[in-house]
């Protein structure tokens, strides 16, 4: 989505909160996509959440369906999510985060989390990539969480 006067870095989530987004990428792309009715329905049907994490501050913006699907608010510190990862699966999650810090462009990892409201446990597939500045410093981590309804044999 191109930045326009209509969405000058402001995203209104389903709770009618205006969220100021990071500056657009050099190509004019703004993340996350403005929350529209069709996007909200598509993401909920797919049981998927998109996120963008600012590396310098650790602040994360997630699509508006995050509270329903994952049990955490759509904005807040990154550790809101990492605290929900089950202890046995934290090494998988942490290795994915470390790989981004070492300039590996993309990651894909499966792990179990506990819903932040209901306490139910479920699997997620977490895919993302780092965005680096011209000096090689990590700027953002952007990706998607897919809530699994069934799980293939262990191949993390």
C-alpha atoms as a PDB file:
ATOM      1  CA  UNK A   1       0.000   0.000   0.000  1.00  0.00           C
ATOM      2  CA  UNK A   2       1.378   3.384  -0.947  1.00  0.00           C
ATOM      3  CA  UNK A   3       1.399   6.173   1.611  1.00  0.00           C
ATOM      4  CA  UNK A   4      -1.231   8.744   0.689  1.00  0.00           C
ATOM      5  CA  UNK A   5      -2.729  11.795   2.324  1.00  0.00           C
ATOM      6  CA  UNK A   6      -5.499   9.518   3.576  1.00  0.00           C
ATOM      7  CA  UNK A   7      -3.152   7.301   5.593  1.00  0.00           C
ATOM      8  CA  UNK A   8      -0.152   9.513   6.386  1.00  0.00           C
ATOM      9  CA  UNK A   9       1.335   6.942   8.742  1.00  0.00           C
ATOM     10  CA  UNK A  10      -1.831   6.602  10.830  1.00  0.00           C
ATOM     11  CA  UNK A  11      -3.588   3.261  11.185  1.00  0.00           C
ATOM     12  CA  UNK A  12      -6.963   2.989  12.933  1.00  0.00           C
ATOM     13  CA  UNK A  13      -7.397  -0.398  14.568  1.00  0.00           C
ATOM     14  CA  UNK A  14     -10.785  -2.033  15.299  1.00  0.00           C
ATOM     15  CA  UNK A  15     -10.872  -0.422  18.757  1.00  0.00           C
ATOM     16  CA  UNK A  16     -10.872   3.007  17.020  1.00  0.00           C
ATOM     17  CA  UNK A  17      -7.369   3.824  18.225  1.00  0.00           C
ATOM     18  CA  UNK A  18      -5.110   5.790  15.905  1.00  0.00           C
ATOM     19  CA  UNK A  19      -1.677   4.198  15.723  1.00  0.00           C
ATOM     20  CA  UNK A  20       1.204   6.165  14.235  1.00  0.00           C
ATOM     21  CA  UNK A  21       3.234   3.823  12.083  1.00  0.00           C
ATOM     22  CA  UNK A  22       6.917   3.833  11.306  1.00  0.00           C
ATOM     23  CA  UNK A  23       8.056   5.932   8.391  1.00  0.00           C
ATOM     24  CA  UNK A  24       7.303   4.403   5.009  1.00  0.00           C
ATOM     25  CA  UNK A  25      10.005   2.304   3.398  1.00  0.00           C
ATOM     26  CA  UNK A  26      11.932   4.029   0.586  1.00  0.00           C
ATOM     27  CA  UNK A  27       9.528   2.573  -1.983  1.00  0.00           C
ATOM     28  CA  UNK A  28       6.583   4.223  -0.168  1.00  0.00           C
ATOM     29  CA  UNK A  29       5.252   1.002   1.365  1.00  0.00           C
ATOM     30  CA  UNK A  30       3.574   1.342   4.749  1.00  0.00           C
ATOM     31  CA  UNK A  31       3.178  -1.619   7.120  1.00  0.00           C
ATOM     32  CA  UNK A  32       0.817  -2.870   8.367  1.00  0.00           C
ATOM     33  CA  UNK A  33      -1.851  -2.410   5.774  1.00  0.00           C
ATOM     34  CA  UNK A  34      -4.672  -0.136   6.894  1.00  0.00           C
ATOM     35  CA  UNK A  35      -7.217  -2.239   8.731  1.00  0.00           C
ATOM     36  CA  UNK A  36     -10.181  -2.668   6.426  1.00  0.00           C
ATOM     37  CA  UNK A  37     -13.235  -4.854   6.816  1.00  0.00           C
ATOM     38  CA  UNK A  38     -12.138  -7.316   4.111  1.00  0.00           C
ATOM     39  CA  UNK A  39      -8.617  -7.586   5.553  1.00  0.00           C
ATOM     40  CA  UNK A  40      -9.952  -8.185   9.069  1.00  0.00           C
ATOM     41  CA  UNK A  41     -12.271 -10.942   7.816  1.00  0.00           C
ATOM     42  CA  UNK A  42      -9.568 -12.545   5.661  1.00  0.00           C
ATOM     43  CA  UNK A  43      -7.022 -12.586   8.494  1.00  0.00           C
ATOM     44  CA  UNK A  44      -9.531 -13.955  10.994  1.00  0.00           C
ATOM     45  CA  UNK A  45     -10.652 -16.671   8.581  1.00  0.00           C
ATOM     46  CA  UNK A  46      -7.022 -17.617   7.941  1.00  0.00           C
ATOM     47  CA  UNK A  47      -6.271 -17.412  11.694  1.00  0.00           C
ATOM     48  CA  UNK A  48      -3.376 -15.100  10.886  1.00  0.00           C
ATOM     49  CA  UNK A  49      -1.890 -11.939  12.415  1.00  0.00           C
ATOM     50  CA  UNK A  50       0.625  -9.590  10.756  1.00  0.00           C
ATOM     51  CA  UNK A  51       3.154  -7.705  12.868  1.00  0.00           C
ATOM     52  CA  UNK A  52       5.891  -5.094  12.637  1.00  0.00           C
ATOM     53  CA  UNK A  53       8.430  -4.708  15.434  1.00  0.00           C
ATOM     54  CA  UNK A  54      10.695  -1.673  15.761  1.00  0.00           C
ATOM     55  CA  UNK A  55      14.133  -3.083  16.650  1.00  0.00           C
ATOM     56  CA  UNK A  56      15.406   0.007  18.491  1.00  0.00           C
ATOM     57  CA  UNK A  57      12.433   0.305  20.845  1.00  0.00           C
ATOM     58  CA  UNK A  58      10.958  -3.205  20.881  1.00  0.00           C
ATOM     59  CA  UNK A  59       7.525  -1.709  20.177  1.00  0.00           C
ATOM     60  CA  UNK A  60       5.290  -3.965  18.090  1.00  0.00           C
ATOM     61  CA  UNK A  61       2.208  -3.160  16.012  1.00  0.00           C
ATOM     62  CA  UNK A  62      -0.040  -6.106  15.135  1.00  0.00           C
ATOM     63  CA  UNK A  63      -3.162  -6.326  13.019  1.00  0.00           C
ATOM     64  CA  UNK A  64      -6.393  -5.702  14.903  1.00  0.00           C
ATOM     65  CA  UNK A  65      -7.451  -9.348  15.124  1.00  0.00           C
ATOM     66  CA  UNK A  66      -4.565 -10.127  17.487  1.00  0.00           C
ATOM     67  CA  UNK A  67      -6.613  -9.846  20.681  1.00  0.00           C
ATOM     68  CA  UNK A  68      -9.170 -12.336  19.390  1.00  0.00           C
ATOM     69  CA  UNK A  69      -6.707 -14.867  17.932  1.00  0.00           C
ATOM     70  CA  UNK A  70      -3.692 -14.569  20.226  1.00  0.00           C
ATOM     71  CA  UNK A  71      -4.974 -12.857  23.360  1.00  0.00           C
ATOM     72  CA  UNK A  72      -2.745  -9.771  23.313  1.00  0.00           C
ATOM     73  CA  UNK A  73      -3.400  -6.167  22.277  1.00  0.00           C
ATOM     74  CA  UNK A  74      -2.564  -4.966  18.779  1.00  0.00           C
ATOM     75  CA  UNK A  75       0.194  -2.663  20.059  1.00  0.00           C
ATOM     76  CA  UNK A  76       2.733  -2.966  22.803  1.00  0.00           C
ATOM     77  CA  UNK A  77       6.168  -4.243  23.704  1.00  0.00           C
ATOM     78  CA  UNK A  78       7.484  -7.320  21.927  1.00  0.00           C
ATOM     79  CA  UNK A  79       7.840  -9.210  25.202  1.00  0.00           C
ATOM     80  CA  UNK A  80       4.026  -9.323  25.484  1.00  0.00           C
ATOM     81  CA  UNK A  81       4.234 -12.038  22.828  1.00  0.00           C
ATOM     82  CA  UNK A  82       7.457 -13.755  23.887  1.00  0.00           C
ATOM     83  CA  UNK A  83       6.122 -14.246  27.432  1.00  0.00           C
ATOM     84  CA  UNK A  84       3.292 -16.376  25.997  1.00  0.00           C
ATOM     85  CA  UNK A  85       5.663 -18.800  24.257  1.00  0.00           C
ATOM     86  CA  UNK A  86       5.733 -22.067  26.246  1.00  0.00           C
ATOM     87  CA  UNK A  87       9.021 -22.583  28.123  1.00  0.00           C
ATOM     88  CA  UNK A  88       9.848 -25.812  26.230  1.00  0.00           C
ATOM     89  CA  UNK A  89       9.515 -23.952  22.921  1.00  0.00           C
ATOM     90  CA  UNK A  90      11.307 -20.707  23.853  1.00  0.00           C
ATOM     91  CA  UNK A  91      14.668 -21.904  22.445  1.00  0.00           C
ATOM     92  CA  UNK A  92      13.063 -22.263  18.979  1.00  0.00           C
ATOM     93  CA  UNK A  93      11.544 -18.789  19.214  1.00  0.00           C
ATOM     94  CA  UNK A  94      14.763 -17.223  20.562  1.00  0.00           C
ATOM     95  CA  UNK A  95      16.911 -18.855  17.861  1.00  0.00           C
ATOM     96  CA  UNK A  96      14.677 -17.335  15.181  1.00  0.00           C
ATOM     97  CA  UNK A  97      15.058 -13.885  16.759  1.00  0.00           C
ATOM     98  CA  UNK A  98      18.836 -14.321  17.045  1.00  0.00           C
ATOM     99  CA  UNK A  99      19.081 -15.351  13.398  1.00  0.00           C
ATOM    100  CA  UNK A 100      17.489 -12.038  12.355  1.00  0.00           C
ATOM    101  CA  UNK A 101      19.991 -10.176  14.533  1.00  0.00           C
ATOM    102  CA  UNK A 102      22.805 -11.913  12.620  1.00  0.00           C
ATOM    103  CA  UNK A 103      21.514 -10.615   9.264  1.00  0.00           C
ATOM    104  CA  UNK A 104      19.778 -13.790   8.183  1.00  0.00           C
ATOM    105  CA  UNK A 105      17.122 -12.248   5.955  1.00  0.00           C
ATOM    106  CA  UNK A 106      14.180 -14.531   6.802  1.00  0.00           C
ATOM    107  CA  UNK A 107      13.034 -16.948   9.459  1.00  0.00           C
ATOM    108  CA  UNK A 108      10.357 -19.584   9.828  1.00  0.00           C
ATOM    109  CA  UNK A 109       9.693 -21.314  13.128  1.00  0.00           C
ATOM    110  CA  UNK A 110       6.879 -23.254  14.801  1.00  0.00           C
ATOM    111  CA  UNK A 111       6.224 -23.101  18.514  1.00  0.00           C
ATOM    112  CA  UNK A 112       3.430 -23.328  21.060  1.00  0.00           C
ATOM    113  CA  UNK A 113       1.942 -20.340  22.827  1.00  0.00           C
ATOM    114  CA  UNK A 114      -0.685 -19.763  25.458  1.00  0.00           C
ATOM    115  CA  UNK A 115      -3.616 -17.496  24.540  1.00  0.00           C
ATOM    116  CA  UNK A 116      -3.194 -14.342  26.618  1.00  0.00           C
ATOM    117  CA  UNK A 117      -6.858 -14.258  27.710  1.00  0.00           C
ATOM    118  CA  UNK A 118      -8.250 -17.806  27.689  1.00  0.00           C
ATOM    119  CA  UNK A 119      -5.059 -19.678  28.584  1.00  0.00           C
ATOM    120  CA  UNK A 120      -5.587 -22.250  25.819  1.00  0.00           C
ATOM    121  CA  UNK A 121      -2.413 -23.607  24.207  1.00  0.00           C
ATOM    122  CA  UNK A 122      -1.971 -23.736  20.434  1.00  0.00           C
ATOM    123  CA  UNK A 123       0.703 -23.952  17.748  1.00  0.00           C
ATOM    124  CA  UNK A 124       1.762 -21.033  15.571  1.00  0.00           C
ATOM    125  CA  UNK A 125       3.863 -20.831  12.447  1.00  0.00           C
ATOM    126  CA  UNK A 126       5.876 -17.608  12.667  1.00  0.00           C
ATOM    127  CA  UNK A 127       7.409 -16.326   9.416  1.00  0.00           C
ATOM    128  CA  UNK A 128       9.197 -13.022   9.141  1.00  0.00           C
ATOM    129  CA  UNK A 129      12.112 -11.055   7.844  1.00  0.00           C
ATOM    130  CA  UNK A 130      14.430  -8.339   9.023  1.00  0.00           C
ATOM    131  CA  UNK A 131      14.659  -4.910   7.461  1.00  0.00           C
ATOM    132  CA  UNK A 132      18.121  -3.352   7.760  1.00  0.00           C
ATOM    133  CA  UNK A 133      19.426   0.183   7.259  1.00  0.00           C
ATOM    134  CA  UNK A 134      22.350   1.066   4.988  1.00  0.00           C
ATOM    135  CA  UNK A 135      24.857   0.353   7.796  1.00  0.00           C
ATOM    136  CA  UNK A 136      23.492  -3.149   8.350  1.00  0.00           C
ATOM    137  CA  UNK A 137      21.646  -2.369  11.588  1.00  0.00           C
ATOM    138  CA  UNK A 138      18.307  -4.104  12.078  1.00  0.00           C
ATOM    139  CA  UNK A 139      15.440  -1.566  11.781  1.00  0.00           C
ATOM    140  CA  UNK A 140      12.276  -3.686  11.801  1.00  0.00           C
ATOM    141  CA  UNK A 141      11.165  -7.263  11.988  1.00  0.00           C
ATOM    142  CA  UNK A 142       7.992  -7.833   9.992  1.00  0.00           C
ATOM    143  CA  UNK A 143       6.059 -11.009   9.558  1.00  0.00           C
ATOM    144  CA  UNK A 144       2.994 -13.088  10.182  1.00  0.00           C
ATOM    145  CA  UNK A 145       1.736 -15.548  12.754  1.00  0.00           C
ATOM    146  CA  UNK A 146      -0.451 -18.371  11.514  1.00  0.00           C
ATOM    147  CA  UNK A 147      -2.446 -20.095  14.239  1.00  0.00           C
ATOM    148  CA  UNK A 148      -2.435 -23.801  13.427  1.00  0.00           C
ATOM    149  CA  UNK A 149      -5.589 -25.865  13.778  1.00  0.00           C
ATOM    150  CA  UNK A 150      -3.662 -29.114  13.357  1.00  0.00           C
ATOM    151  CA  UNK A 151       0.019 -29.925  13.594  1.00  0.00           C
ATOM    152  CA  UNK A 152       2.256 -31.959  11.306  1.00  0.00           C
ATOM    153  CA  UNK A 153       4.914 -34.218  12.872  1.00  0.00           C
ATOM    154  CA  UNK A 154       7.659 -32.351  14.689  1.00  0.00           C
ATOM    155  CA  UNK A 155      10.066 -30.774  12.214  1.00  0.00           C
ATOM    156  CA  UNK A 156      11.032 -27.543  13.879  1.00  0.00           C
END
